[in-house]
Amino acid sequence: MSAEAIDINVEIVESCISELVKLSLAIEGSTKSDFEVVGAGYTSSYMKTINNNFLVLTNSLHFMVNNTMKFLVQAKEGYVNSDEDRAEALRTLQ
């Protein structure tokens, strides 16, 4: 069985990480937990429920973006380190 080469364009990965950082900051900036509904009744209760659901959705999205960012950073570092290790091994063979 032969090993397939994995070719990762580090510049594209870094660009994606940069975009995810911007997205994460935008999500953080858009989260308002101090939403307050004045009054009582069905509409007020429903607005509170919508706000709570929106906060859960926003927090979940933020969590997913941050985890994707961490994954890409680790994948990039692993690829670069592996590439450097192989280059060093080839230099010692020469």
PDB file of N, CA and C in Angstrom:
ATOM      1  N   MET A   1       0.837  -1.165   0.000  1.00  0.00           N
ATOM      2  CA  MET A   1       0.000   0.000   0.000  1.00  0.00           C
ATOM      3  C   MET A   1       0.894   1.243   0.000  1.00  0.00           C
ATOM      4  N   SER A   2       0.656   2.158  -0.902  1.00  0.00           N
ATOM      5  CA  SER A   2       1.466   3.370  -0.949  1.00  0.00           C
ATOM      6  C   SER A   2       0.760   4.507  -0.219  1.00  0.00           C
ATOM      7  N   ALA A   3       1.552   5.355   0.367  1.00  0.00           N
ATOM      8  CA  ALA A   3       1.004   6.501   1.106  1.00  0.00           C
ATOM      9  C   ALA A   3       0.712   7.622   0.126  1.00  0.00           C
ATOM     10  N   GLU A   4      -0.435   8.216   0.301  1.00  0.00           N
ATOM     11  CA  GLU A   4      -0.820   9.357  -0.527  1.00  0.00           C
ATOM     12  C   GLU A   4      -0.222  10.627   0.075  1.00  0.00           C
ATOM     13  N   ALA A   5       0.249  11.504  -0.768  1.00  0.00           N
ATOM     14  CA  ALA A   5       0.799  12.775  -0.290  1.00  0.00           C
ATOM     15  C   ALA A   5      -0.344  13.713   0.075  1.00  0.00           C
ATOM     16  N   ILE A   6      -0.171  14.384   1.180  1.00  0.00           N
ATOM     17  CA  ILE A   6      -1.147  15.396   1.604  1.00  0.00           C
ATOM     18  C   ILE A   6      -0.515  16.747   1.343  1.00  0.00           C
ATOM     19  N   ASP A   7      -1.112  17.495   0.452  1.00  0.00           N
ATOM     20  CA  ASP A   7      -0.572  18.799   0.094  1.00  0.00           C
ATOM     21  C   ASP A   7      -1.481  19.874   0.672  1.00  0.00           C
ATOM     22  N   ILE A   8      -0.948  20.635   1.605  1.00  0.00           N
ATOM     23  CA  ILE A   8      -1.713  21.698   2.246  1.00  0.00           C
ATOM     24  C   ILE A   8      -1.089  23.028   1.869  1.00  0.00           C
ATOM     25  N   ASN A   9      -1.897  23.927   1.361  1.00  0.00           N
ATOM     26  CA  ASN A   9      -1.420  25.267   1.062  1.00  0.00           C
ATOM     27  C   ASN A   9      -1.502  26.080   2.354  1.00  0.00           C
ATOM     28  N   VAL A  10      -0.370  26.294   2.984  1.00  0.00           N
ATOM     29  CA  VAL A  10      -0.309  26.941   4.289  1.00  0.00           C
ATOM     30  C   VAL A  10      -0.854  28.363   4.226  1.00  0.00           C
ATOM     31  N   GLU A  11      -0.624  29.053   3.125  1.00  0.00           N
ATOM     32  CA  GLU A  11      -1.118  30.432   2.993  1.00  0.00           C
ATOM     33  C   GLU A  11      -2.646  30.476   3.017  1.00  0.00           C
ATOM     34  N   ILE A  12      -3.281  29.521   2.368  1.00  0.00           N
ATOM     35  CA  ILE A  12      -4.743  29.479   2.367  1.00  0.00           C
ATOM     36  C   ILE A  12      -5.264  29.144   3.762  1.00  0.00           C
ATOM     37  N   VAL A  13      -4.604  28.214   4.436  1.00  0.00           N
ATOM     38  CA  VAL A  13      -5.010  27.862   5.801  1.00  0.00           C
ATOM     39  C   VAL A  13      -4.868  29.074   6.715  1.00  0.00           C
ATOM     40  N   GLU A  14      -3.769  29.800   6.602  1.00  0.00           N
ATOM     41  CA  GLU A  14      -3.561  31.004   7.420  1.00  0.00           C
ATOM     42  C   GLU A  14      -4.619  32.054   7.118  1.00  0.00           C
ATOM     43  N   SER A  15      -4.988  32.189   5.859  1.00  0.00           N
ATOM     44  CA  SER A  15      -6.037  33.136   5.471  1.00  0.00           C
ATOM     45  C   SER A  15      -7.384  32.749   6.085  1.00  0.00           C
ATOM     46  N   CYS A  16      -7.685  31.456   6.070  1.00  0.00           N
ATOM     47  CA  CYS A  16      -8.928  30.972   6.668  1.00  0.00           C
ATOM     48  C   CYS A  16      -8.941  31.198   8.177  1.00  0.00           C
ATOM     49  N   ILE A  17      -7.805  30.965   8.816  1.00  0.00           N
ATOM     50  CA  ILE A  17      -7.701  31.198  10.252  1.00  0.00           C
ATOM     51  C   ILE A  17      -7.950  32.674  10.555  1.00  0.00           C
ATOM     52  N   SER A  18      -7.373  33.543   9.740  1.00  0.00           N
ATOM     53  CA  SER A  18      -7.559  34.989   9.926  1.00  0.00           C
ATOM     54  C   SER A  18      -9.029  35.378   9.792  1.00  0.00           C
ATOM     55  N   GLU A  19      -9.701  34.803   8.807  1.00  0.00           N
ATOM     56  CA  GLU A  19     -11.133  35.090   8.625  1.00  0.00           C
ATOM     57  C   GLU A  19     -11.956  34.565   9.796  1.00  0.00           C
ATOM     58  N   LEU A  20     -11.585  33.402  10.323  1.00  0.00           N
ATOM     59  CA  LEU A  20     -12.298  32.843  11.467  1.00  0.00           C
ATOM     60  C   LEU A  20     -12.088  33.689  12.720  1.00  0.00           C
ATOM     61  N   VAL A  21     -10.892  34.264  12.864  1.00  0.00           N
ATOM     62  CA  VAL A  21     -10.643  35.172  13.997  1.00  0.00           C
ATOM     63  C   VAL A  21     -11.573  36.377  13.900  1.00  0.00           C
ATOM     64  N   LYS A  22     -11.687  36.951  12.711  1.00  0.00           N
ATOM     65  CA  LYS A  22     -12.590  38.098  12.506  1.00  0.00           C
ATOM     66  C   LYS A  22     -14.034  37.715  12.808  1.00  0.00           C
ATOM     67  N   LEU A  23     -14.443  36.541  12.339  1.00  0.00           N
ATOM     68  CA  LEU A  23     -15.802  36.078  12.580  1.00  0.00           C
ATOM     69  C   LEU A  23     -16.052  35.876  14.068  1.00  0.00           C
ATOM     70  N   SER A  24     -15.091  35.288  14.757  1.00  0.00           N
ATOM     71  CA  SER A  24     -15.229  35.058  16.191  1.00  0.00           C
ATOM     72  C   SER A  24     -15.394  36.380  16.936  1.00  0.00           C
ATOM     73  N   LEU A  25     -14.591  37.370  16.561  1.00  0.00           N
ATOM     74  CA  LEU A  25     -14.703  38.682  17.199  1.00  0.00           C
ATOM     75  C   LEU A  25     -16.043  39.346  16.895  1.00  0.00           C
ATOM     76  N   ALA A  26     -16.525  39.174  15.677  1.00  0.00           N
ATOM     77  CA  ALA A  26     -17.824  39.741  15.309  1.00  0.00           C
ATOM     78  C   ALA A  26     -18.951  39.086  16.099  1.00  0.00           C
ATOM     79  N   ILE A  27     -18.853  37.783  16.288  1.00  0.00           N
ATOM     80  CA  ILE A  27     -19.869  37.067  17.070  1.00  0.00           C
ATOM     81  C   ILE A  27     -19.848  37.560  18.515  1.00  0.00           C
ATOM     82  N   GLU A  28     -18.646  37.698  19.078  1.00  0.00           N
ATOM     83  CA  GLU A  28     -18.525  38.194  20.450  1.00  0.00           C
ATOM     84  C   GLU A  28     -19.145  39.577  20.583  1.00  0.00           C
ATOM     85  N   GLY A  29     -18.919  40.411  19.582  1.00  0.00           N
ATOM     86  CA  GLY A  29     -19.430  41.777  19.621  1.00  0.00           C
ATOM     87  C   GLY A  29     -20.930  41.885  19.440  1.00  0.00           C
ATOM     88  N   SER A  30     -21.528  40.857  18.877  1.00  0.00           N
ATOM     89  CA  SER A  30     -22.965  40.926  18.599  1.00  0.00           C
ATOM     90  C   SER A  30     -23.821  40.305  19.691  1.00  0.00           C
ATOM     91  N   THR A  31     -23.189  39.679  20.659  1.00  0.00           N
ATOM     92  CA  THR A  31     -23.930  38.989  21.715  1.00  0.00           C
ATOM     93  C   THR A  31     -24.315  39.967  22.808  1.00  0.00           C
ATOM     94  N   LYS A  32     -25.617  40.120  22.992  1.00  0.00           N
ATOM     95  CA  LYS A  32     -26.128  40.968  24.070  1.00  0.00           C
ATOM     96  C   LYS A  32     -26.988  40.107  24.973  1.00  0.00           C
ATOM     97  N   SER A  33     -26.541  39.937  26.174  1.00  0.00           N
ATOM     98  CA  SER A  33     -27.315  39.117  27.103  1.00  0.00           C
ATOM     99  C   SER A  33     -28.170  39.960  28.028  1.00  0.00           C
ATOM    100  N   ASP A  34     -28.065  41.278  27.894  1.00  0.00           N
ATOM    101  CA  ASP A  34     -28.826  42.153  28.783  1.00  0.00           C
ATOM    102  C   ASP A  34     -30.160  42.588  28.166  1.00  0.00           C
ATOM    103  N   PHE A  35     -30.680  41.743  27.298  1.00  0.00           N
ATOM    104  CA  PHE A  35     -31.963  42.012  26.657  1.00  0.00           C
ATOM    105  C   PHE A  35     -33.062  42.053  27.724  1.00  0.00           C
ATOM    106  N   GLU A  36     -33.859  43.093  27.665  1.00  0.00           N
ATOM    107  CA  GLU A  36     -34.906  43.225  28.670  1.00  0.00           C
ATOM    108  C   GLU A  36     -36.227  43.555  27.992  1.00  0.00           C
ATOM    109  N   VAL A  37     -37.238  42.808  28.349  1.00  0.00           N
ATOM    110  CA  VAL A  37     -38.581  43.040  27.826  1.00  0.00           C
ATOM    111  C   VAL A  37     -39.411  43.617  28.952  1.00  0.00           C
ATOM    112  N   VAL A  38     -40.026  44.746  28.666  1.00  0.00           N
ATOM    113  CA  VAL A  38     -40.876  45.381  29.666  1.00  0.00           C
ATOM    114  C   VAL A  38     -42.307  44.927  29.424  1.00  0.00           C
ATOM    115  N   GLY A  39     -42.953  44.531  30.469  1.00  0.00           N
ATOM    116  CA  GLY A  39     -44.341  44.111  30.346  1.00  0.00           C
ATOM    117  C   GLY A  39     -44.497  42.645  30.655  1.00  0.00           C
ATOM    118  N   ALA A  40     -45.704  42.199  30.490  1.00  0.00           N
ATOM    119  CA  ALA A  40     -46.016  40.803  30.766  1.00  0.00           C
ATOM    120  C   ALA A  40     -46.925  40.293  29.660  1.00  0.00           C
ATOM    121  N   GLY A  41     -47.187  39.044  29.707  1.00  0.00           N
ATOM    122  CA  GLY A  41     -48.073  38.467  28.709  1.00  0.00           C
ATOM    123  C   GLY A  41     -47.342  37.566  27.743  1.00  0.00           C
ATOM    124  N   TYR A  42     -48.108  37.069  26.792  1.00  0.00           N
ATOM    125  CA  TYR A  42     -47.600  36.090  25.850  1.00  0.00           C
ATOM    126  C   TYR A  42     -46.478  36.664  24.987  1.00  0.00           C
ATOM    127  N   THR A  43     -46.655  37.874  24.468  1.00  0.00           N
ATOM    128  CA  THR A  43     -45.655  38.469  23.584  1.00  0.00           C
ATOM    129  C   THR A  43     -44.350  38.686  24.321  1.00  0.00           C
ATOM    130  N   SER A  44     -44.428  39.214  25.524  1.00  0.00           N
ATOM    131  CA  SER A  44     -43.229  39.435  26.333  1.00  0.00           C
ATOM    132  C   SER A  44     -42.524  38.118  26.630  1.00  0.00           C
ATOM    133  N   SER A  45     -43.250  37.127  27.002  1.00  0.00           N
ATOM    134  CA  SER A  45     -42.687  35.820  27.305  1.00  0.00           C
ATOM    135  C   SER A  45     -42.044  35.205  26.059  1.00  0.00           C
ATOM    136  N   TYR A  46     -42.717  35.348  24.932  1.00  0.00           N
ATOM    137  CA  TYR A  46     -42.205  34.785  23.683  1.00  0.00           C
ATOM    138  C   TYR A  46     -40.929  35.496  23.249  1.00  0.00           C
ATOM    139  N   MET A  47     -40.851  36.815  23.438  1.00  0.00           N
ATOM    140  CA  MET A  47     -39.651  37.577  23.092  1.00  0.00           C
ATOM    141  C   MET A  47     -38.465  37.129  23.958  1.00  0.00           C
ATOM    142  N   LYS A  48     -38.709  36.857  25.223  1.00  0.00           N
ATOM    143  CA  LYS A  48     -37.655  36.364  26.097  1.00  0.00           C
ATOM    144  C   LYS A  48     -37.158  34.996  25.623  1.00  0.00           C
ATOM    145  N   THR A  49     -38.097  34.154  25.225  1.00  0.00           N
ATOM    146  CA  THR A  49     -37.730  32.831  24.714  1.00  0.00           C
ATOM    147  C   THR A  49     -36.904  32.944  23.445  1.00  0.00           C
ATOM    148  N   ILE A  50     -37.313  33.834  22.550  1.00  0.00           N
ATOM    149  CA  ILE A  50     -36.568  34.045  21.301  1.00  0.00           C
ATOM    150  C   ILE A  50     -35.161  34.542  21.616  1.00  0.00           C
ATOM    151  N   ASN A  51     -35.048  35.484  22.549  1.00  0.00           N
ATOM    152  CA  ASN A  51     -33.735  36.009  22.929  1.00  0.00           C
ATOM    153  C   ASN A  51     -32.852  34.895  23.507  1.00  0.00           C
ATOM    154  N   ASN A  52     -33.404  34.083  24.381  1.00  0.00           N
ATOM    155  CA  ASN A  52     -32.634  32.978  24.969  1.00  0.00           C
ATOM    156  C   ASN A  52     -32.174  31.993  23.903  1.00  0.00           C
ATOM    157  N   ASN A  53     -33.057  31.668  22.973  1.00  0.00           N
ATOM    158  CA  ASN A  53     -32.702  30.752  21.877  1.00  0.00           C
ATOM    159  C   ASN A  53     -31.620  31.357  20.988  1.00  0.00           C
ATOM    160  N   PHE A  54     -31.723  32.654  20.748  1.00  0.00           N
ATOM    161  CA  PHE A  54     -30.712  33.334  19.941  1.00  0.00           C
ATOM    162  C   PHE A  54     -29.350  33.293  20.643  1.00  0.00           C
ATOM    163  N   LEU A  55     -29.338  33.481  21.956  1.00  0.00           N
ATOM    164  CA  LEU A  55     -28.087  33.422  22.708  1.00  0.00           C
ATOM    165  C   LEU A  55     -27.474  32.022  22.649  1.00  0.00           C
ATOM    166  N   VAL A  56     -28.312  31.002  22.764  1.00  0.00           N
ATOM    167  CA  VAL A  56     -27.812  29.620  22.674  1.00  0.00           C
ATOM    168  C   VAL A  56     -27.220  29.380  21.279  1.00  0.00           C
ATOM    169  N   LEU A  57     -27.919  29.825  20.259  1.00  0.00           N
ATOM    170  CA  LEU A  57     -27.443  29.672  18.879  1.00  0.00           C
ATOM    171  C   LEU A  57     -26.127  30.418  18.669  1.00  0.00           C
ATOM    172  N   THR A  58     -26.055  31.638  19.150  1.00  0.00           N
ATOM    173  CA  THR A  58     -24.846  32.443  19.000  1.00  0.00           C
ATOM    174  C   THR A  58     -23.674  31.809  19.738  1.00  0.00           C
ATOM    175  N   ASN A  59     -23.913  31.344  20.948  1.00  0.00           N
ATOM    176  CA  ASN A  59     -22.843  30.691  21.715  1.00  0.00           C
ATOM    177  C   ASN A  59     -22.368  29.410  21.031  1.00  0.00           C
ATOM    178  N   SER A  60     -23.294  28.664  20.466  1.00  0.00           N
ATOM    179  CA  SER A  60     -22.932  27.433  19.758  1.00  0.00           C
ATOM    180  C   SER A  60     -22.107  27.743  18.508  1.00  0.00           C
ATOM    181  N   LEU A  61     -22.497  28.772  17.786  1.00  0.00           N
ATOM    182  CA  LEU A  61     -21.757  29.179  16.594  1.00  0.00           C
ATOM    183  C   LEU A  61     -20.356  29.638  16.986  1.00  0.00           C
ATOM    184  N   HIS A  62     -20.270  30.417  18.039  1.00  0.00           N
ATOM    185  CA  HIS A  62     -18.971  30.899  18.517  1.00  0.00           C
ATOM    186  C   HIS A  62     -18.074  29.728  18.911  1.00  0.00           C
ATOM    187  N   PHE A  63     -18.636  28.752  19.601  1.00  0.00           N
ATOM    188  CA  PHE A  63     -17.906  27.553  20.002  1.00  0.00           C
ATOM    189  C   PHE A  63     -17.396  26.796  18.772  1.00  0.00           C
ATOM    190  N   MET A  64     -18.240  26.640  17.777  1.00  0.00           N
ATOM    191  CA  MET A  64     -17.873  25.922  16.554  1.00  0.00           C
ATOM    192  C   MET A  64     -16.766  26.661  15.790  1.00  0.00           C
ATOM    193  N   VAL A  65     -16.896  27.978  15.678  1.00  0.00           N
ATOM    194  CA  VAL A  65     -15.882  28.768  14.975  1.00  0.00           C
ATOM    195  C   VAL A  65     -14.537  28.654  15.686  1.00  0.00           C
ATOM    196  N   ASN A  66     -14.547  28.782  17.013  1.00  0.00           N
ATOM    197  CA  ASN A  66     -13.296  28.687  17.775  1.00  0.00           C
ATOM    198  C   ASN A  66     -12.663  27.304  17.655  1.00  0.00           C
ATOM    199  N   ASN A  67     -13.476  26.257  17.688  1.00  0.00           N
ATOM    200  CA  ASN A  67     -12.933  24.903  17.542  1.00  0.00           C
ATOM    201  C   ASN A  67     -12.369  24.670  16.151  1.00  0.00           C
ATOM    202  N   THR A  68     -13.023  25.208  15.139  1.00  0.00           N
ATOM    203  CA  THR A  68     -12.518  25.097  13.769  1.00  0.00           C
ATOM    204  C   THR A  68     -11.185  25.817  13.640  1.00  0.00           C
ATOM    205  N   MET A  69     -11.107  26.998  14.259  1.00  0.00           N
ATOM    206  CA  MET A  69      -9.871  27.762  14.261  1.00  0.00           C
ATOM    207  C   MET A  69      -8.740  26.960  14.910  1.00  0.00           C
ATOM    208  N   LYS A  70      -9.008  26.376  16.069  1.00  0.00           N
ATOM    209  CA  LYS A  70      -8.001  25.577  16.773  1.00  0.00           C
ATOM    210  C   LYS A  70      -7.563  24.380  15.933  1.00  0.00           C
ATOM    211  N   PHE A  71      -8.522  23.728  15.295  1.00  0.00           N
ATOM    212  CA  PHE A  71      -8.198  22.581  14.442  1.00  0.00           C
ATOM    213  C   PHE A  71      -7.277  22.995  13.303  1.00  0.00           C
ATOM    214  N   LEU A  72      -7.608  24.099  12.628  1.00  0.00           N
ATOM    215  CA  LEU A  72      -6.790  24.545  11.501  1.00  0.00           C
ATOM    216  C   LEU A  72      -5.397  24.952  11.947  1.00  0.00           C
ATOM    217  N   VAL A  73      -5.288  25.604  13.099  1.00  0.00           N
ATOM    218  CA  VAL A  73      -3.966  25.984  13.619  1.00  0.00           C
ATOM    219  C   VAL A  73      -3.144  24.732  13.889  1.00  0.00           C
ATOM    220  N   GLN A  74      -3.742  23.745  14.531  1.00  0.00           N
ATOM    221  CA  GLN A  74      -3.013  22.502  14.839  1.00  0.00           C
ATOM    222  C   GLN A  74      -2.650  21.744  13.563  1.00  0.00           C
ATOM    223  N   ALA A  75      -3.558  21.710  12.598  1.00  0.00           N
ATOM    224  CA  ALA A  75      -3.276  21.018  11.331  1.00  0.00           C
ATOM    225  C   ALA A  75      -2.134  21.708  10.600  1.00  0.00           C
ATOM    226  N   LYS A  76      -2.162  23.027  10.559  1.00  0.00           N
ATOM    227  CA  LYS A  76      -1.097  23.782   9.895  1.00  0.00           C
ATOM    228  C   LYS A  76       0.236  23.551  10.594  1.00  0.00           C
ATOM    229  N   GLU A  77       0.251  23.661  11.915  1.00  0.00           N
ATOM    230  CA  GLU A  77       1.501  23.464  12.665  1.00  0.00           C
ATOM    231  C   GLU A  77       2.031  22.042  12.484  1.00  0.00           C
ATOM    232  N   GLY A  78       1.139  21.064  12.516  1.00  0.00           N
ATOM    233  CA  GLY A  78       1.560  19.682  12.313  1.00  0.00           C
ATOM    234  C   GLY A  78       2.141  19.466  10.930  1.00  0.00           C
ATOM    235  N   TYR A  79       1.523  20.065   9.924  1.00  0.00           N
ATOM    236  CA  TYR A  79       2.004  19.932   8.550  1.00  0.00           C
ATOM    237  C   TYR A  79       3.367  20.595   8.392  1.00  0.00           C
ATOM    238  N   VAL A  80       3.497  21.810   8.921  1.00  0.00           N
ATOM    239  CA  VAL A  80       4.759  22.548   8.803  1.00  0.00           C
ATOM    240  C   VAL A  80       5.864  21.820   9.555  1.00  0.00           C
ATOM    241  N   ASN A  81       5.574  21.372  10.765  1.00  0.00           N
ATOM    242  CA  ASN A  81       6.586  20.659  11.557  1.00  0.00           C
ATOM    243  C   ASN A  81       7.012  19.361  10.878  1.00  0.00           C
ATOM    244  N   SER A  82       6.048  18.629  10.337  1.00  0.00           N
ATOM    245  CA  SER A  82       6.345  17.382   9.646  1.00  0.00           C
ATOM    246  C   SER A  82       7.195  17.642   8.411  1.00  0.00           C
ATOM    247  N   ASP A  83       6.852  18.700   7.689  1.00  0.00           N
ATOM    248  CA  ASP A  83       7.595  19.061   6.488  1.00  0.00           C
ATOM    249  C   ASP A  83       9.038  19.437   6.852  1.00  0.00           C
ATOM    250  N   GLU A  84       9.195  20.196   7.928  1.00  0.00           N
ATOM    251  CA  GLU A  84      10.535  20.587   8.359  1.00  0.00           C
ATOM    252  C   GLU A  84      11.334  19.370   8.825  1.00  0.00           C
ATOM    253  N   ASP A  85      10.683  18.456   9.542  1.00  0.00           N
ATOM    254  CA  ASP A  85      11.364  17.236   9.999  1.00  0.00           C
ATOM    255  C   ASP A  85      11.840  16.390   8.823  1.00  0.00           C
ATOM    256  N   ARG A  86      10.998  16.278   7.816  1.00  0.00           N
ATOM    257  CA  ARG A  86      11.386  15.487   6.635  1.00  0.00           C
ATOM    258  C   ARG A  86      12.516  16.151   5.861  1.00  0.00           C
ATOM    259  N   ALA A  87      12.461  17.483   5.777  1.00  0.00           N
ATOM    260  CA  ALA A  87      13.536  18.197   5.091  1.00  0.00           C
ATOM    261  C   ALA A  87      14.856  18.006   5.825  1.00  0.00           C
ATOM    262  N   GLU A  88      14.810  18.045   7.148  1.00  0.00           N
ATOM    263  CA  GLU A  88      16.019  17.836   7.949  1.00  0.00           C
ATOM    264  C   GLU A  88      16.542  16.407   7.755  1.00  0.00           C
ATOM    265  N   ALA A  89      15.628  15.445   7.728  1.00  0.00           N
ATOM    266  CA  ALA A  89      16.045  14.054   7.518  1.00  0.00           C
ATOM    267  C   ALA A  89      16.704  13.884   6.158  1.00  0.00           C
ATOM    268  N   LEU A  90      16.175  14.543   5.142  1.00  0.00           N
ATOM    269  CA  LEU A  90      16.769  14.460   3.809  1.00  0.00           C
ATOM    270  C   LEU A  90      18.144  15.126   3.772  1.00  0.00           C
ATOM    271  N   ARG A  91      18.296  16.229   4.503  1.00  0.00           N
ATOM    272  CA  ARG A  91      19.600  16.909   4.543  1.00  0.00           C
ATOM    273  C   ARG A  91      20.664  16.008   5.189  1.00  0.00           C
ATOM    274  N   THR A  92      20.280  15.245   6.202  1.00  0.00           N
ATOM    275  CA  THR A  92      21.251  14.374   6.857  1.00  0.00           C
ATOM    276  C   THR A  92      21.653  13.200   5.974  1.00  0.00           C
ATOM    277  N   LEU A  93      20.805  12.849   5.029  1.00  0.00           N
ATOM    278  CA  LEU A  93      21.124  11.741   4.114  1.00  0.00           C
ATOM    279  C   LEU A  93      22.103  12.167   3.026  1.00  0.00           C
ATOM    280  N   GLN A  94      22.203  13.438   2.792  1.00  0.00           N
ATOM    281  CA  GLN A  94      23.066  13.913   1.689  1.00  0.00           C
ATOM    282  C   GLN A  94      24.502  13.966   2.060  1.00  0.00           C
TER     283      GLN A  94
END
